């Protein structure tokens, strides 16, 4: 596995942890789904694979492509 693949998978794992935490302790100012979607949007155009993994992981948790 090369570094980019490892970074992507690490980001995906971070997204899983974030999503699990947000769904368990919903933010008061927005819905948990909107929060996770905003995180995905923030990282979607990133140049590094760690942040891309976070974006894909968040969208995956929401059942989106």
PDB file of N, CA and C in Angstrom:
ATOM      1  N   UNK A   1       0.854  -1.168   0.000  1.00  0.00           N
ATOM      2  CA  UNK A   1       0.000   0.000   0.000  1.00  0.00           C
ATOM      3  C   UNK A   1       0.899   1.230   0.000  1.00  0.00           C
ATOM      4  N   UNK A   2       0.623   2.170  -0.904  1.00  0.00           N
ATOM      5  CA  UNK A   2       1.454   3.368  -0.941  1.00  0.00           C
ATOM      6  C   UNK A   2       0.923   4.419   0.040  1.00  0.00           C
ATOM      7  N   UNK A   3       1.658   5.489   0.154  1.00  0.00           N
ATOM      8  CA  UNK A   3       1.329   6.516   1.146  1.00  0.00           C
ATOM      9  C   UNK A   3      -0.029   7.168   0.891  1.00  0.00           C
ATOM     10  N   UNK A   4      -0.338   7.466  -0.382  1.00  0.00           N
ATOM     11  CA  UNK A   4      -1.629   8.084  -0.693  1.00  0.00           C
ATOM     12  C   UNK A   4      -2.791   7.191  -0.289  1.00  0.00           C
ATOM     13  N   UNK A   5      -2.673   5.900  -0.558  1.00  0.00           N
ATOM     14  CA  UNK A   5      -3.724   4.959  -0.170  1.00  0.00           C
ATOM     15  C   UNK A   5      -3.870   4.887   1.347  1.00  0.00           C
ATOM     16  N   UNK A   6      -2.764   4.866   2.046  1.00  0.00           N
ATOM     17  CA  UNK A   6      -2.791   4.818   3.509  1.00  0.00           C
ATOM     18  C   UNK A   6      -3.411   6.095   4.074  1.00  0.00           C
ATOM     19  N   UNK A   7      -3.046   7.254   3.514  1.00  0.00           N
ATOM     20  CA  UNK A   7      -3.622   8.521   3.969  1.00  0.00           C
ATOM     21  C   UNK A   7      -5.128   8.562   3.730  1.00  0.00           C
ATOM     22  N   UNK A   8      -5.554   8.087   2.558  1.00  0.00           N
ATOM     23  CA  UNK A   8      -6.978   8.068   2.241  1.00  0.00           C
ATOM     24  C   UNK A   8      -7.738   7.202   3.244  1.00  0.00           C
ATOM     25  N   UNK A   9      -7.224   6.024   3.514  1.00  0.00           N
ATOM     26  CA  UNK A   9      -7.890   5.132   4.468  1.00  0.00           C
ATOM     27  C   UNK A   9      -7.888   5.693   5.879  1.00  0.00           C
ATOM     28  N   UNK A  10      -6.831   6.390   6.239  1.00  0.00           N
ATOM     29  CA  UNK A  10      -6.791   7.050   7.548  1.00  0.00           C
ATOM     30  C   UNK A  10      -7.869   8.123   7.625  1.00  0.00           C
ATOM     31  N   UNK A  11      -8.002   8.910   6.571  1.00  0.00           N
ATOM     32  CA  UNK A  11      -9.056   9.931   6.525  1.00  0.00           C
ATOM     33  C   UNK A  11     -10.442   9.320   6.592  1.00  0.00           C
ATOM     34  N   UNK A  12     -10.636   8.206   5.893  1.00  0.00           N
ATOM     35  CA  UNK A  12     -11.911   7.513   5.923  1.00  0.00           C
ATOM     36  C   UNK A  12     -12.221   7.047   7.345  1.00  0.00           C
ATOM     37  N   UNK A  13     -11.213   6.544   8.034  1.00  0.00           N
ATOM     38  CA  UNK A  13     -11.392   6.124   9.426  1.00  0.00           C
ATOM     39  C   UNK A  13     -11.722   7.288  10.342  1.00  0.00           C
ATOM     40  N   UNK A  14     -11.086   8.424  10.117  1.00  0.00           N
ATOM     41  CA  UNK A  14     -11.393   9.623  10.904  1.00  0.00           C
ATOM     42  C   UNK A  14     -12.840  10.050  10.689  1.00  0.00           C
ATOM     43  N   UNK A  15     -13.302   9.953   9.449  1.00  0.00           N
ATOM     44  CA  UNK A  15     -14.689  10.306   9.151  1.00  0.00           C
ATOM     45  C   UNK A  15     -15.650   9.369   9.874  1.00  0.00           C
ATOM     46  N   UNK A  16     -15.317   8.090   9.931  1.00  0.00           N
ATOM     47  CA  UNK A  16     -16.173   7.133  10.643  1.00  0.00           C
ATOM     48  C   UNK A  16     -16.264   7.482  12.120  1.00  0.00           C
ATOM     49  N   UNK A  17     -15.132   7.825  12.713  1.00  0.00           N
ATOM     50  CA  UNK A  17     -15.105   8.216  14.124  1.00  0.00           C
ATOM     51  C   UNK A  17     -15.914   9.494  14.342  1.00  0.00           C
ATOM     52  N   UNK A  18     -15.714  10.479  13.476  1.00  0.00           N
ATOM     53  CA  UNK A  18     -16.447  11.741  13.581  1.00  0.00           C
ATOM     54  C   UNK A  18     -17.940  11.506  13.448  1.00  0.00           C
ATOM     55  N   UNK A  19     -18.333  10.744  12.450  1.00  0.00           N
ATOM     56  CA  UNK A  19     -19.750  10.497  12.211  1.00  0.00           C
ATOM     57  C   UNK A  19     -20.393   9.787  13.390  1.00  0.00           C
ATOM     58  N   UNK A  20     -19.719   8.790  13.907  1.00  0.00           N
ATOM     59  CA  UNK A  20     -20.250   8.058  15.065  1.00  0.00           C
ATOM     60  C   UNK A  20     -20.441   9.007  16.255  1.00  0.00           C
ATOM     61  N   UNK A  21     -19.483   9.877  16.478  1.00  0.00           N
ATOM     62  CA  UNK A  21     -19.566  10.819  17.598  1.00  0.00           C
ATOM     63  C   UNK A  21     -20.690  11.839  17.381  1.00  0.00           C
ATOM     64  N   UNK A  22     -20.792  12.373  16.172  1.00  0.00           N
ATOM     65  CA  UNK A  22     -21.811  13.387  15.878  1.00  0.00           C
ATOM     66  C   UNK A  22     -23.214  12.791  15.954  1.00  0.00           C
ATOM     67  N   UNK A  23     -23.379  11.582  15.455  1.00  0.00           N
ATOM     68  CA  UNK A  23     -24.702  10.949  15.512  1.00  0.00           C
ATOM     69  C   UNK A  23     -25.099  10.632  16.952  1.00  0.00           C
ATOM     70  N   UNK A  24     -24.119  10.378  17.806  1.00  0.00           N
ATOM     71  CA  UNK A  24     -24.399  10.087  19.207  1.00  0.00           C
ATOM     72  C   UNK A  24     -24.651  11.325  20.041  1.00  0.00           C
ATOM     73  N   UNK A  25     -23.981  12.416  19.709  1.00  0.00           N
ATOM     74  CA  UNK A  25     -24.122  13.677  20.443  1.00  0.00           C
ATOM     75  C   UNK A  25     -24.433  14.771  19.437  1.00  0.00           C
ATOM     76  N   UNK A  26     -25.657  14.834  19.044  1.00  0.00           N
ATOM     77  CA  UNK A  26     -26.065  15.743  17.973  1.00  0.00           C
ATOM     78  C   UNK A  26     -25.795  17.204  18.337  1.00  0.00           C
ATOM     79  N   UNK A  27     -25.262  17.971  17.373  1.00  0.00           N
ATOM     80  CA  UNK A  27     -25.020  19.398  17.623  1.00  0.00           C
ATOM     81  C   UNK A  27     -26.348  20.143  17.763  1.00  0.00           C
ATOM     82  N   UNK A  28     -26.365  21.160  18.588  1.00  0.00           N
ATOM     83  CA  UNK A  28     -27.611  21.871  18.861  1.00  0.00           C
ATOM     84  C   UNK A  28     -27.973  22.890  17.785  1.00  0.00           C
ATOM     85  N   UNK A  29     -27.011  23.359  17.017  1.00  0.00           N
ATOM     86  CA  UNK A  29     -27.276  24.427  16.063  1.00  0.00           C
ATOM     87  C   UNK A  29     -27.670  23.942  14.673  1.00  0.00           C
ATOM     88  N   UNK A  30     -27.532  22.662  14.406  1.00  0.00           N
ATOM     89  CA  UNK A  30     -27.881  22.103  13.104  1.00  0.00           C
ATOM     90  C   UNK A  30     -28.150  20.617  13.263  1.00  0.00           C
ATOM     91  N   UNK A  31     -28.585  19.987  12.210  1.00  0.00           N
ATOM     92  CA  UNK A  31     -28.780  18.536  12.287  1.00  0.00           C
ATOM     93  C   UNK A  31     -27.429  17.843  12.145  1.00  0.00           C
ATOM     94  N   UNK A  32     -27.358  16.644  12.659  1.00  0.00           N
ATOM     95  CA  UNK A  32     -26.117  15.878  12.554  1.00  0.00           C
ATOM     96  C   UNK A  32     -25.777  15.597  11.101  1.00  0.00           C
ATOM     97  N   UNK A  33     -26.790  15.305  10.307  1.00  0.00           N
ATOM     98  CA  UNK A  33     -26.571  15.025   8.892  1.00  0.00           C
ATOM     99  C   UNK A  33     -26.009  16.248   8.170  1.00  0.00           C
ATOM    100  N   UNK A  34     -26.535  17.423   8.466  1.00  0.00           N
ATOM    101  CA  UNK A  34     -26.055  18.657   7.837  1.00  0.00           C
ATOM    102  C   UNK A  34     -24.615  18.936   8.263  1.00  0.00           C
ATOM    103  N   UNK A  35     -24.298  18.692   9.500  1.00  0.00           N
ATOM    104  CA  UNK A  35     -22.941  18.900  10.001  1.00  0.00           C
ATOM    105  C   UNK A  35     -21.951  18.004   9.252  1.00  0.00           C
ATOM    106  N   UNK A  36     -22.293  16.715   9.125  1.00  0.00           N
ATOM    107  CA  UNK A  36     -21.419  15.769   8.436  1.00  0.00           C
ATOM    108  C   UNK A  36     -21.292  16.155   6.959  1.00  0.00           C
ATOM    109  N   UNK A  37     -22.383  16.600   6.357  1.00  0.00           N
ATOM    110  CA  UNK A  37     -22.343  17.055   4.967  1.00  0.00           C
ATOM    111  C   UNK A  37     -21.440  18.273   4.811  1.00  0.00           C
ATOM    112  N   UNK A  38     -21.501  19.195   5.752  1.00  0.00           N
ATOM    113  CA  UNK A  38     -20.636  20.379   5.716  1.00  0.00           C
ATOM    114  C   UNK A  38     -19.161  19.997   5.840  1.00  0.00           C
ATOM    115  N   UNK A  39     -18.860  19.027   6.689  1.00  0.00           N
ATOM    116  CA  UNK A  39     -17.475  18.542   6.816  1.00  0.00           C
ATOM    117  C   UNK A  39     -17.013  17.955   5.485  1.00  0.00           C
ATOM    118  N   UNK A  40     -17.871  17.176   4.848  1.00  0.00           N
ATOM    119  CA  UNK A  40     -17.525  16.586   3.547  1.00  0.00           C
ATOM    120  C   UNK A  40     -17.281  17.670   2.512  1.00  0.00           C
ATOM    121  N   UNK A  41     -18.138  18.682   2.479  1.00  0.00           N
ATOM    122  CA  UNK A  41     -17.960  19.790   1.529  1.00  0.00           C
ATOM    123  C   UNK A  41     -16.660  20.535   1.776  1.00  0.00           C
ATOM    124  N   UNK A  42     -16.316  20.697   3.017  1.00  0.00           N
ATOM    125  CA  UNK A  42     -15.091  21.413   3.375  1.00  0.00           C
ATOM    126  C   UNK A  42     -13.850  20.696   2.846  1.00  0.00           C
ATOM    127  N   UNK A  43     -13.866  19.389   2.879  1.00  0.00           N
ATOM    128  CA  UNK A  43     -12.685  18.608   2.512  1.00  0.00           C
ATOM    129  C   UNK A  43     -12.728  18.023   1.094  1.00  0.00           C
ATOM    130  N   UNK A  44     -13.822  18.200   0.388  1.00  0.00           N
ATOM    131  CA  UNK A  44     -14.010  17.537  -0.907  1.00  0.00           C
ATOM    132  C   UNK A  44     -12.974  17.924  -1.960  1.00  0.00           C
ATOM    133  N   UNK A  45     -12.566  19.155  -1.997  1.00  0.00           N
ATOM    134  CA  UNK A  45     -11.640  19.625  -3.032  1.00  0.00           C
ATOM    135  C   UNK A  45     -10.195  19.674  -2.571  1.00  0.00           C
ATOM    136  N   UNK A  46      -9.899  19.004  -1.494  1.00  0.00           N
ATOM    137  CA  UNK A  46      -8.541  19.038  -0.931  1.00  0.00           C
ATOM    138  C   UNK A  46      -7.555  18.330  -1.856  1.00  0.00           C
ATOM    139  N   UNK A  47      -6.327  18.776  -1.800  1.00  0.00           N
ATOM    140  CA  UNK A  47      -5.272  18.174  -2.611  1.00  0.00           C
ATOM    141  C   UNK A  47      -4.710  16.911  -1.958  1.00  0.00           C
ATOM    142  N   UNK A  48      -4.781  16.823  -0.647  1.00  0.00           N
ATOM    143  CA  UNK A  48      -4.187  15.658   0.019  1.00  0.00           C
ATOM    144  C   UNK A  48      -5.225  14.562   0.234  1.00  0.00           C
ATOM    145  N   UNK A  49      -4.750  13.337   0.233  1.00  0.00           N
ATOM    146  CA  UNK A  49      -5.630  12.179   0.293  1.00  0.00           C
ATOM    147  C   UNK A  49      -6.243  11.963   1.664  1.00  0.00           C
ATOM    148  N   UNK A  50      -5.637  12.448   2.712  1.00  0.00           N
ATOM    149  CA  UNK A  50      -6.220  12.319   4.046  1.00  0.00           C
ATOM    150  C   UNK A  50      -7.551  13.063   4.091  1.00  0.00           C
ATOM    151  N   UNK A  51      -7.551  14.301   3.633  1.00  0.00           N
ATOM    152  CA  UNK A  51      -8.777  15.101   3.643  1.00  0.00           C
ATOM    153  C   UNK A  51      -9.805  14.557   2.655  1.00  0.00           C
ATOM    154  N   UNK A  52      -9.354  14.033   1.524  1.00  0.00           N
ATOM    155  CA  UNK A  52     -10.292  13.417   0.577  1.00  0.00           C
ATOM    156  C   UNK A  52     -10.949  12.189   1.211  1.00  0.00           C
ATOM    157  N   UNK A  53     -10.175  11.439   1.978  1.00  0.00           N
ATOM    158  CA  UNK A  53     -10.739  10.285   2.681  1.00  0.00           C
ATOM    159  C   UNK A  53     -11.798  10.695   3.677  1.00  0.00           C
ATOM    160  N   UNK A  54     -11.572  11.818   4.360  1.00  0.00           N
ATOM    161  CA  UNK A  54     -12.573  12.344   5.298  1.00  0.00           C
ATOM    162  C   UNK A  54     -13.858  12.679   4.545  1.00  0.00           C
ATOM    163  N   UNK A  55     -13.725  13.351   3.406  1.00  0.00           N
ATOM    164  CA  UNK A  55     -14.901  13.742   2.621  1.00  0.00           C
ATOM    165  C   UNK A  55     -15.681  12.515   2.157  1.00  0.00           C
ATOM    166  N   UNK A  56     -14.990  11.552   1.592  1.00  0.00           N
ATOM    167  CA  UNK A  56     -15.660  10.347   1.087  1.00  0.00           C
ATOM    168  C   UNK A  56     -16.283   9.556   2.236  1.00  0.00           C
ATOM    169  N   UNK A  57     -15.583   9.473   3.346  1.00  0.00           N
ATOM    170  CA  UNK A  57     -16.123   8.765   4.507  1.00  0.00           C
ATOM    171  C   UNK A  57     -17.387   9.409   5.038  1.00  0.00           C
ATOM    172  N   UNK A  58     -17.411  10.727   5.084  1.00  0.00           N
ATOM    173  CA  UNK A  58     -18.608  11.434   5.553  1.00  0.00           C
ATOM    174  C   UNK A  58     -19.782  11.205   4.610  1.00  0.00           C
ATOM    175  N   UNK A  59     -19.526  11.318   3.308  1.00  0.00           N
ATOM    176  CA  UNK A  59     -20.602  11.097   2.344  1.00  0.00           C
ATOM    177  C   UNK A  59     -21.075   9.650   2.377  1.00  0.00           C
ATOM    178  N   UNK A  60     -20.169   8.748   2.576  1.00  0.00           N
ATOM    179  CA  UNK A  60     -20.524   7.331   2.669  1.00  0.00           C
ATOM    180  C   UNK A  60     -21.416   7.080   3.879  1.00  0.00           C
ATOM    181  N   UNK A  61     -21.112   7.736   4.972  1.00  0.00           N
ATOM    182  CA  UNK A  61     -21.927   7.574   6.182  1.00  0.00           C
ATOM    183  C   UNK A  61     -23.351   8.076   5.957  1.00  0.00           C
ATOM    184  N   UNK A  62     -23.482   9.047   5.076  1.00  0.00           N
ATOM    185  CA  UNK A  62     -24.807   9.581   4.759  1.00  0.00           C
ATOM    186  C   UNK A  62     -25.488   8.797   3.649  1.00  0.00           C
ATOM    187  N   UNK A  63     -24.779   7.827   3.069  1.00  0.00           N
ATOM    188  CA  UNK A  63     -25.348   7.032   1.990  1.00  0.00           C
ATOM    189  C   UNK A  63     -25.322   7.731   0.657  1.00  0.00           C
ATOM    190  N   UNK A  64     -24.357   8.639   0.475  1.00  0.00           N
ATOM    191  CA  UNK A  64     -24.262   9.400  -0.780  1.00  0.00           C
ATOM    192  C   UNK A  64     -22.978   9.071  -1.498  1.00  0.00           C
ATOM    193  N   UNK A  65     -22.942   9.433  -2.789  1.00  0.00           N
ATOM    194  CA  UNK A  65     -21.743   9.222  -3.608  1.00  0.00           C
ATOM    195  C   UNK A  65     -21.091  10.547  -3.904  1.00  0.00           C
TER     196      UNK A  65
END
